[in-house]
Amino acid sequence: MAGEVEDPYKWKRGFSREQASDYCAISIDKVKRAIRWNELPAKRHGRDIILFREDLDAWMESWETV
Protein backbone atom coordinates (compact mmCIF):
# COMPACT_ATOMS: atom_id res chain seq x y z
CA MET A 1 0.00 0.00 0.00
CA ALA A 2 1.34 3.42 -0.89
CA GLY A 3 2.62 5.54 1.97
CA GLU A 4 3.30 2.64 4.34
CA VAL A 5 6.69 2.56 6.01
CA GLU A 6 8.63 -0.70 5.78
CA ASP A 7 9.37 -2.26 9.17
CA PRO A 8 13.18 -2.08 9.51
CA TYR A 9 13.07 -5.01 11.96
CA LYS A 10 10.73 -7.21 9.92
CA TRP A 11 13.16 -10.14 9.59
CA LYS A 12 15.17 -9.49 12.73
CA ARG A 13 14.90 -11.90 15.66
CA GLY A 14 17.64 -10.73 18.06
CA PHE A 15 18.01 -7.10 19.16
CA SER A 16 20.65 -5.09 20.95
CA ARG A 17 19.43 -2.89 23.81
CA GLU A 18 19.56 0.13 21.50
CA GLN A 19 17.57 -1.62 18.77
CA ALA A 20 15.07 -2.89 21.37
CA SER A 21 14.48 0.64 22.65
CA ASP A 22 13.85 1.80 19.07
CA TYR A 23 11.57 -1.20 18.36
CA CYS A 24 9.53 -0.55 21.52
CA ALA A 25 9.65 3.27 21.08
CA ILE A 26 10.98 3.80 24.60
CA SER A 27 14.24 5.02 26.08
CA ILE A 28 17.23 2.74 26.35
CA ASP A 29 17.24 3.42 30.11
CA LYS A 30 13.80 1.81 30.41
CA VAL A 31 15.04 -1.24 28.51
CA LYS A 32 18.11 -1.51 30.76
CA ARG A 33 15.95 -1.12 33.88
CA ALA A 34 13.52 -3.83 32.70
CA ILE A 35 16.44 -6.21 32.15
CA ARG A 36 17.97 -5.37 35.54
CA TRP A 37 14.62 -5.89 37.32
CA ASN A 38 14.04 -9.19 35.45
CA GLU A 39 10.93 -7.85 33.73
CA LEU A 40 12.47 -8.47 30.31
CA PRO A 41 14.45 -11.63 29.51
CA ALA A 42 17.84 -11.11 27.91
CA LYS A 43 20.70 -13.39 26.89
CA ARG A 44 24.38 -12.64 27.10
CA HIS A 45 26.64 -13.63 24.22
CA GLY A 46 30.15 -12.63 25.17
CA ARG A 47 29.98 -8.92 25.85
CA ASP A 48 26.72 -8.49 23.92
CA ILE A 49 23.25 -8.54 25.43
CA ILE A 50 20.59 -9.95 23.10
CA LEU A 51 16.84 -9.49 23.42
CA PHE A 52 14.45 -11.57 21.35
CA ARG A 53 11.47 -10.20 19.41
CA GLU A 54 9.06 -12.65 21.07
CA ASP A 55 10.12 -11.47 24.53
CA LEU A 56 9.86 -7.81 23.54
CA ASP A 57 6.38 -8.34 22.08
CA ALA A 58 5.19 -10.20 25.20
CA TRP A 59 6.67 -7.52 27.44
CA MET A 60 4.91 -4.74 25.53
CA GLU A 61 1.63 -6.68 25.69
CA SER A 62 1.93 -6.66 29.49
CA TRP A 63 2.03 -2.86 29.61
CA GLU A 64 -0.95 -1.07 31.10
CA THR A 65 -3.38 0.44 28.60
CA VAL A 66 -4.17 4.12 29.08
PDB file of N, CA and C in Angstrom:
ATOM      1  N   MET A   1       0.842  -1.173   0.000  1.00  0.00           N
ATOM      2  CA  MET A   1       0.000   0.000   0.000  1.00  0.00           C
ATOM      3  C   MET A   1       0.890   1.239   0.000  1.00  0.00           C
ATOM      4  N   ALA A   2       0.545   2.204  -0.774  1.00  0.00           N
ATOM      5  CA  ALA A   2       1.342   3.423  -0.891  1.00  0.00           C
ATOM      6  C   ALA A   2       1.355   4.192   0.425  1.00  0.00           C
ATOM      7  N   GLY A   3       2.518   4.729   0.765  1.00  0.00           N
ATOM      8  CA  GLY A   3       2.619   5.539   1.970  1.00  0.00           C
ATOM      9  C   GLY A   3       2.982   4.766   3.226  1.00  0.00           C
ATOM     10  N   GLU A   4       2.953   3.434   3.173  1.00  0.00           N
ATOM     11  CA  GLU A   4       3.305   2.642   4.343  1.00  0.00           C
ATOM     12  C   GLU A   4       4.816   2.591   4.493  1.00  0.00           C
ATOM     13  N   VAL A   5       5.269   2.615   5.725  1.00  0.00           N
ATOM     14  CA  VAL A   5       6.695   2.561   6.007  1.00  0.00           C
ATOM     15  C   VAL A   5       7.077   1.110   6.256  1.00  0.00           C
ATOM     16  N   GLU A   6       8.144   0.672   5.603  1.00  0.00           N
ATOM     17  CA  GLU A   6       8.631  -0.701   5.775  1.00  0.00           C
ATOM     18  C   GLU A   6       9.195  -0.856   7.182  1.00  0.00           C
ATOM     19  N   ASP A   7       8.868  -1.957   7.837  1.00  0.00           N
ATOM     20  CA  ASP A   7       9.374  -2.263   9.171  1.00  0.00           C
ATOM     21  C   ASP A   7      10.855  -2.613   9.062  1.00  0.00           C
ATOM     22  N   PRO A   8      11.752  -1.792   9.634  1.00  0.00           N
ATOM     23  CA  PRO A   8      13.184  -2.083   9.507  1.00  0.00           C
ATOM     24  C   PRO A   8      13.600  -3.346  10.257  1.00  0.00           C
ATOM     25  N   TYR A   9      12.746  -3.813  11.159  1.00  0.00           N
ATOM     26  CA  TYR A   9      13.067  -5.006  11.957  1.00  0.00           C
ATOM     27  C   TYR A   9      12.245  -6.223  11.542  1.00  0.00           C
ATOM     28  N   LYS A  10      11.641  -6.159  10.374  1.00  0.00           N
ATOM     29  CA  LYS A  10      10.726  -7.206   9.919  1.00  0.00           C
ATOM     30  C   LYS A  10      11.316  -8.607  10.014  1.00  0.00           C
ATOM     31  N   TRP A  11      12.556  -8.800   9.620  1.00  0.00           N
ATOM     32  CA  TRP A  11      13.158 -10.138   9.590  1.00  0.00           C
ATOM     33  C   TRP A  11      14.122 -10.367  10.748  1.00  0.00           C
ATOM     34  N   LYS A  12      14.213  -9.408  11.629  1.00  0.00           N
ATOM     35  CA  LYS A  12      15.167  -9.493  12.729  1.00  0.00           C
ATOM     36  C   LYS A  12      14.565 -10.276  13.897  1.00  0.00           C
ATOM     37  N   ARG A  13      15.363 -11.132  14.506  1.00  0.00           N
ATOM     38  CA  ARG A  13      14.903 -11.904  15.659  1.00  0.00           C
ATOM     39  C   ARG A  13      15.579 -11.455  16.937  1.00  0.00           C
ATOM     40  N   GLY A  14      16.888 -11.162  16.888  1.00  0.00           N
ATOM     41  CA  GLY A  14      17.642 -10.726  18.060  1.00  0.00           C
ATOM     42  C   GLY A  14      17.952  -9.240  17.980  1.00  0.00           C
ATOM     43  N   PHE A  15      17.825  -8.548  19.099  1.00  0.00           N
ATOM     44  CA  PHE A  15      18.007  -7.102  19.155  1.00  0.00           C
ATOM     45  C   PHE A  15      19.047  -6.731  20.199  1.00  0.00           C
ATOM     46  N   SER A  16      19.807  -5.690  19.922  1.00  0.00           N
ATOM     47  CA  SER A  16      20.649  -5.085  20.950  1.00  0.00           C
ATOM     48  C   SER A  16      19.727  -4.237  21.838  1.00  0.00           C
ATOM     49  N   ARG A  17      20.254  -3.748  22.936  1.00  0.00           N
ATOM     50  CA  ARG A  17      19.431  -2.892  23.806  1.00  0.00           C
ATOM     51  C   ARG A  17      19.006  -1.628  23.068  1.00  0.00           C
ATOM     52  N   GLU A  18      19.896  -1.075  22.257  1.00  0.00           N
ATOM     53  CA  GLU A  18      19.562   0.130  21.502  1.00  0.00           C
ATOM     54  C   GLU A  18      18.469  -0.142  20.476  1.00  0.00           C
ATOM     55  N   GLN A  19      18.582  -1.256  19.765  1.00  0.00           N
ATOM     56  CA  GLN A  19      17.567  -1.619  18.774  1.00  0.00           C
ATOM     57  C   GLN A  19      16.240  -1.935  19.464  1.00  0.00           C
ATOM     58  N   ALA A  20      16.296  -2.573  20.624  1.00  0.00           N
ATOM     59  CA  ALA A  20      15.073  -2.894  21.373  1.00  0.00           C
ATOM     60  C   ALA A  20      14.362  -1.619  21.805  1.00  0.00           C
ATOM     61  N   SER A  21      15.118  -0.614  22.240  1.00  0.00           N
ATOM     62  CA  SER A  21      14.481   0.636  22.648  1.00  0.00           C
ATOM     63  C   SER A  21      13.813   1.310  21.456  1.00  0.00           C
ATOM     64  N   ASP A  22      14.447   1.245  20.281  1.00  0.00           N
ATOM     65  CA  ASP A  22      13.851   1.796  19.066  1.00  0.00           C
ATOM     66  C   ASP A  22      12.605   1.004  18.671  1.00  0.00           C
ATOM     67  N   TYR A  23      12.695  -0.320  18.717  1.00  0.00           N
ATOM     68  CA  TYR A  23      11.573  -1.195  18.356  1.00  0.00           C
ATOM     69  C   TYR A  23      10.361  -0.950  19.260  1.00  0.00           C
ATOM     70  N   CYS A  24      10.617  -0.755  20.555  1.00  0.00           N
ATOM     71  CA  CYS A  24       9.533  -0.550  21.519  1.00  0.00           C
ATOM     72  C   CYS A  24       9.140   0.921  21.657  1.00  0.00           C
ATOM     73  N   ALA A  25       9.896   1.816  21.022  1.00  0.00           N
ATOM     74  CA  ALA A  25       9.650   3.266  21.076  1.00  0.00           C
ATOM     75  C   ALA A  25       9.717   3.787  22.510  1.00  0.00           C
ATOM     76  N   ILE A  26      10.742   3.337  23.241  1.00  0.00           N
ATOM     77  CA  ILE A  26      10.978   3.801  24.604  1.00  0.00           C
ATOM     78  C   ILE A  26      12.467   4.113  24.751  1.00  0.00           C
ATOM     79  N   SER A  27      12.832   4.677  25.871  1.00  0.00           N
ATOM     80  CA  SER A  27      14.239   5.022  26.081  1.00  0.00           C
ATOM     81  C   SER A  27      15.058   3.769  26.378  1.00  0.00           C
ATOM     82  N   ILE A  28      16.331   3.855  26.070  1.00  0.00           N
ATOM     83  CA  ILE A  28      17.233   2.742  26.353  1.00  0.00           C
ATOM     84  C   ILE A  28      17.334   2.510  27.856  1.00  0.00           C
ATOM     85  N   ASP A  29      17.202   3.573  28.657  1.00  0.00           N
ATOM     86  CA  ASP A  29      17.243   3.416  30.108  1.00  0.00           C
ATOM     87  C   ASP A  29      16.101   2.543  30.615  1.00  0.00           C
ATOM     88  N   LYS A  30      14.928   2.661  29.999  1.00  0.00           N
ATOM     89  CA  LYS A  30      13.802   1.812  30.406  1.00  0.00           C
ATOM     90  C   LYS A  30      14.051   0.355  30.041  1.00  0.00           C
ATOM     91  N   VAL A  31      14.689   0.121  28.908  1.00  0.00           N
ATOM     92  CA  VAL A  31      15.042  -1.245  28.514  1.00  0.00           C
ATOM     93  C   VAL A  31      16.052  -1.818  29.503  1.00  0.00           C
ATOM     94  N   LYS A  32      17.090  -1.049  29.802  1.00  0.00           N
ATOM     95  CA  LYS A  32      18.105  -1.508  30.756  1.00  0.00           C
ATOM     96  C   LYS A  32      17.499  -1.798  32.122  1.00  0.00           C
ATOM     97  N   ARG A  33      16.596  -0.933  32.577  1.00  0.00           N
ATOM     98  CA  ARG A  33      15.946  -1.115  33.875  1.00  0.00           C
ATOM     99  C   ARG A  33      15.086  -2.382  33.868  1.00  0.00           C
ATOM    100  N   ALA A  34      14.368  -2.632  32.792  1.00  0.00           N
ATOM    101  CA  ALA A  34      13.525  -3.828  32.703  1.00  0.00           C
ATOM    102  C   ALA A  34      14.367  -5.096  32.743  1.00  0.00           C
ATOM    103  N   ILE A  35      15.534  -5.062  32.116  1.00  0.00           N
ATOM    104  CA  ILE A  35      16.440  -6.211  32.151  1.00  0.00           C
ATOM    105  C   ILE A  35      16.965  -6.400  33.570  1.00  0.00           C
ATOM    106  N   ARG A  36      17.413  -5.310  34.190  1.00  0.00           N
ATOM    107  CA  ARG A  36      17.973  -5.367  35.543  1.00  0.00           C
ATOM    108  C   ARG A  36      16.947  -5.878  36.554  1.00  0.00           C
ATOM    109  N   TRP A  37      15.681  -5.486  36.401  1.00  0.00           N
ATOM    110  CA  TRP A  37      14.623  -5.886  37.322  1.00  0.00           C
ATOM    111  C   TRP A  37      13.959  -7.206  36.920  1.00  0.00           C
ATOM    112  N   ASN A  38      14.535  -7.896  35.935  1.00  0.00           N
ATOM    113  CA  ASN A  38      14.037  -9.185  35.445  1.00  0.00           C
ATOM    114  C   ASN A  38      12.612  -9.117  34.918  1.00  0.00           C
ATOM    115  N   GLU A  39      12.230  -7.975  34.381  1.00  0.00           N
ATOM    116  CA  GLU A  39      10.928  -7.846  33.725  1.00  0.00           C
ATOM    117  C   GLU A  39      11.026  -8.248  32.261  1.00  0.00           C
ATOM    118  N   LEU A  40      12.239  -8.190  31.721  1.00  0.00           N
ATOM    119  CA  LEU A  40      12.470  -8.465  30.311  1.00  0.00           C
ATOM    120  C   LEU A  40      13.628  -9.449  30.186  1.00  0.00           C
ATOM    121  N   PRO A  41      13.372 -10.651  29.660  1.00  0.00           N
ATOM    122  CA  PRO A  41      14.446 -11.635  29.514  1.00  0.00           C
ATOM    123  C   PRO A  41      15.489 -11.175  28.500  1.00  0.00           C
ATOM    124  N   ALA A  42      16.734 -11.448  28.803  1.00  0.00           N
ATOM    125  CA  ALA A  42      17.839 -11.109  27.907  1.00  0.00           C
ATOM    126  C   ALA A  42      18.889 -12.208  28.002  1.00  0.00           C
ATOM    127  N   LYS A  43      19.629 -12.387  26.934  1.00  0.00           N
ATOM    128  CA  LYS A  43      20.698 -13.388  26.889  1.00  0.00           C
ATOM    129  C   LYS A  43      22.016 -12.669  26.696  1.00  0.00           C
ATOM    130  N   ARG A  44      23.044 -13.187  27.289  1.00  0.00           N
ATOM    131  CA  ARG A  44      24.383 -12.640  27.100  1.00  0.00           C
ATOM    132  C   ARG A  44      25.142 -13.544  26.138  1.00  0.00           C
ATOM    133  N   HIS A  45      25.774 -12.918  25.158  1.00  0.00           N
ATOM    134  CA  HIS A  45      26.639 -13.634  24.216  1.00  0.00           C
ATOM    135  C   HIS A  45      27.958 -12.879  24.206  1.00  0.00           C
ATOM    136  N   GLY A  46      28.906 -13.375  24.996  1.00  0.00           N
ATOM    137  CA  GLY A  46      30.147 -12.635  25.166  1.00  0.00           C
ATOM    138  C   GLY A  46      29.856 -11.340  25.877  1.00  0.00           C
ATOM    139  N   ARG A  47      30.235 -10.233  25.257  1.00  0.00           N
ATOM    140  CA  ARG A  47      29.976  -8.919  25.848  1.00  0.00           C
ATOM    141  C   ARG A  47      28.631  -8.341  25.411  1.00  0.00           C
ATOM    142  N   ASP A  48      27.986  -8.992  24.462  1.00  0.00           N
ATOM    143  CA  ASP A  48      26.723  -8.491  23.922  1.00  0.00           C
ATOM    144  C   ASP A  48      25.541  -8.985  24.737  1.00  0.00           C
ATOM    145  N   ILE A  49      24.513  -8.151  24.818  1.00  0.00           N
ATOM    146  CA  ILE A  49      23.246  -8.538  25.431  1.00  0.00           C
ATOM    147  C   ILE A  49      22.221  -8.581  24.311  1.00  0.00           C
ATOM    148  N   ILE A  50      21.543  -9.722  24.187  1.00  0.00           N
ATOM    149  CA  ILE A  50      20.590  -9.947  23.099  1.00  0.00           C
ATOM    150  C   ILE A  50      19.189 -10.069  23.682  1.00  0.00           C
ATOM    151  N   LEU A  51      18.245  -9.389  23.059  1.00  0.00           N
ATOM    152  CA  LEU A  51      16.836  -9.488  23.423  1.00  0.00           C
ATOM    153  C   LEU A  51      16.094 -10.040  22.212  1.00  0.00           C
ATOM    154  N   PHE A  52      15.156 -10.933  22.448  1.00  0.00           N
ATOM    155  CA  PHE A  52      14.445 -11.566  21.349  1.00  0.00           C
ATOM    156  C   PHE A  52      13.092 -10.908  21.110  1.00  0.00           C
ATOM    157  N   ARG A  53      12.728 -10.849  19.838  1.00  0.00           N
ATOM    158  CA  ARG A  53      11.473 -10.201  19.413  1.00  0.00           C
ATOM    159  C   ARG A  53      10.268 -10.736  20.195  1.00  0.00           C
ATOM    160  N   GLU A  54      10.199 -12.051  20.373  1.00  0.00           N
ATOM    161  CA  GLU A  54       9.061 -12.654  21.071  1.00  0.00           C
ATOM    162  C   GLU A  54       8.961 -12.128  22.501  1.00  0.00           C
ATOM    163  N   ASP A  55      10.109 -11.984  23.168  1.00  0.00           N
ATOM    164  CA  ASP A  55      10.121 -11.469  24.533  1.00  0.00           C
ATOM    165  C   ASP A  55       9.738  -9.996  24.571  1.00  0.00           C
ATOM    166  N   LEU A  56      10.227  -9.228  23.600  1.00  0.00           N
ATOM    167  CA  LEU A  56       9.863  -7.813  23.541  1.00  0.00           C
ATOM    168  C   LEU A  56       8.370  -7.636  23.291  1.00  0.00           C
ATOM    169  N   ASP A  57       7.817  -8.426  22.371  1.00  0.00           N
ATOM    170  CA  ASP A  57       6.384  -8.335  22.080  1.00  0.00           C
ATOM    171  C   ASP A  57       5.547  -8.710  23.299  1.00  0.00           C
ATOM    172  N   ALA A  58       5.924  -9.778  23.999  1.00  0.00           N
ATOM    173  CA  ALA A  58       5.192 -10.203  25.197  1.00  0.00           C
ATOM    174  C   ALA A  58       5.299  -9.143  26.290  1.00  0.00           C
ATOM    175  N   TRP A  59       6.474  -8.550  26.441  1.00  0.00           N
ATOM    176  CA  TRP A  59       6.674  -7.520  27.439  1.00  0.00           C
ATOM    177  C   TRP A  59       5.803  -6.302  27.146  1.00  0.00           C
ATOM    178  N   MET A  60       5.750  -5.901  25.871  1.00  0.00           N
ATOM    179  CA  MET A  60       4.905  -4.741  25.526  1.00  0.00           C
ATOM    180  C   MET A  60       3.436  -5.060  25.722  1.00  0.00           C
ATOM    181  N   GLU A  61       3.028  -6.295  25.473  1.00  0.00           N
ATOM    182  CA  GLU A  61       1.631  -6.684  25.690  1.00  0.00           C
ATOM    183  C   GLU A  61       1.241  -6.568  27.164  1.00  0.00           C
ATOM    184  N   SER A  62       2.210  -6.711  28.062  1.00  0.00           N
ATOM    185  CA  SER A  62       1.925  -6.663  29.491  1.00  0.00           C
ATOM    186  C   SER A  62       1.782  -5.233  30.005  1.00  0.00           C
ATOM    187  N   TRP A  63       2.125  -4.256  29.179  1.00  0.00           N
ATOM    188  CA  TRP A  63       2.030  -2.856  29.610  1.00  0.00           C
ATOM    189  C   TRP A  63       0.581  -2.469  29.848  1.00  0.00           C
ATOM    190  N   GLU A  64       0.382  -1.566  30.768  1.00  0.00           N
ATOM    191  CA  GLU A  64      -0.952  -1.073  31.103  1.00  0.00           C
ATOM    192  C   GLU A  64      -1.480  -0.189  29.967  1.00  0.00           C
ATOM    193  N   THR A  65      -2.730  -0.376  29.628  1.00  0.00           N
ATOM    194  CA  THR A  65      -3.379   0.442  28.603  1.00  0.00           C
ATOM    195  C   THR A  65      -3.910   1.717  29.239  1.00  0.00           C
ATOM    196  N   VAL A  66      -3.677   2.828  28.536  1.00  0.00           N
ATOM    197  CA  VAL A  66      -4.168   4.117  29.077  1.00  0.00           C
ATOM    198  C   VAL A  66      -5.217   4.707  28.165  1.00  0.00           C
TER     199      VAL A  66
END
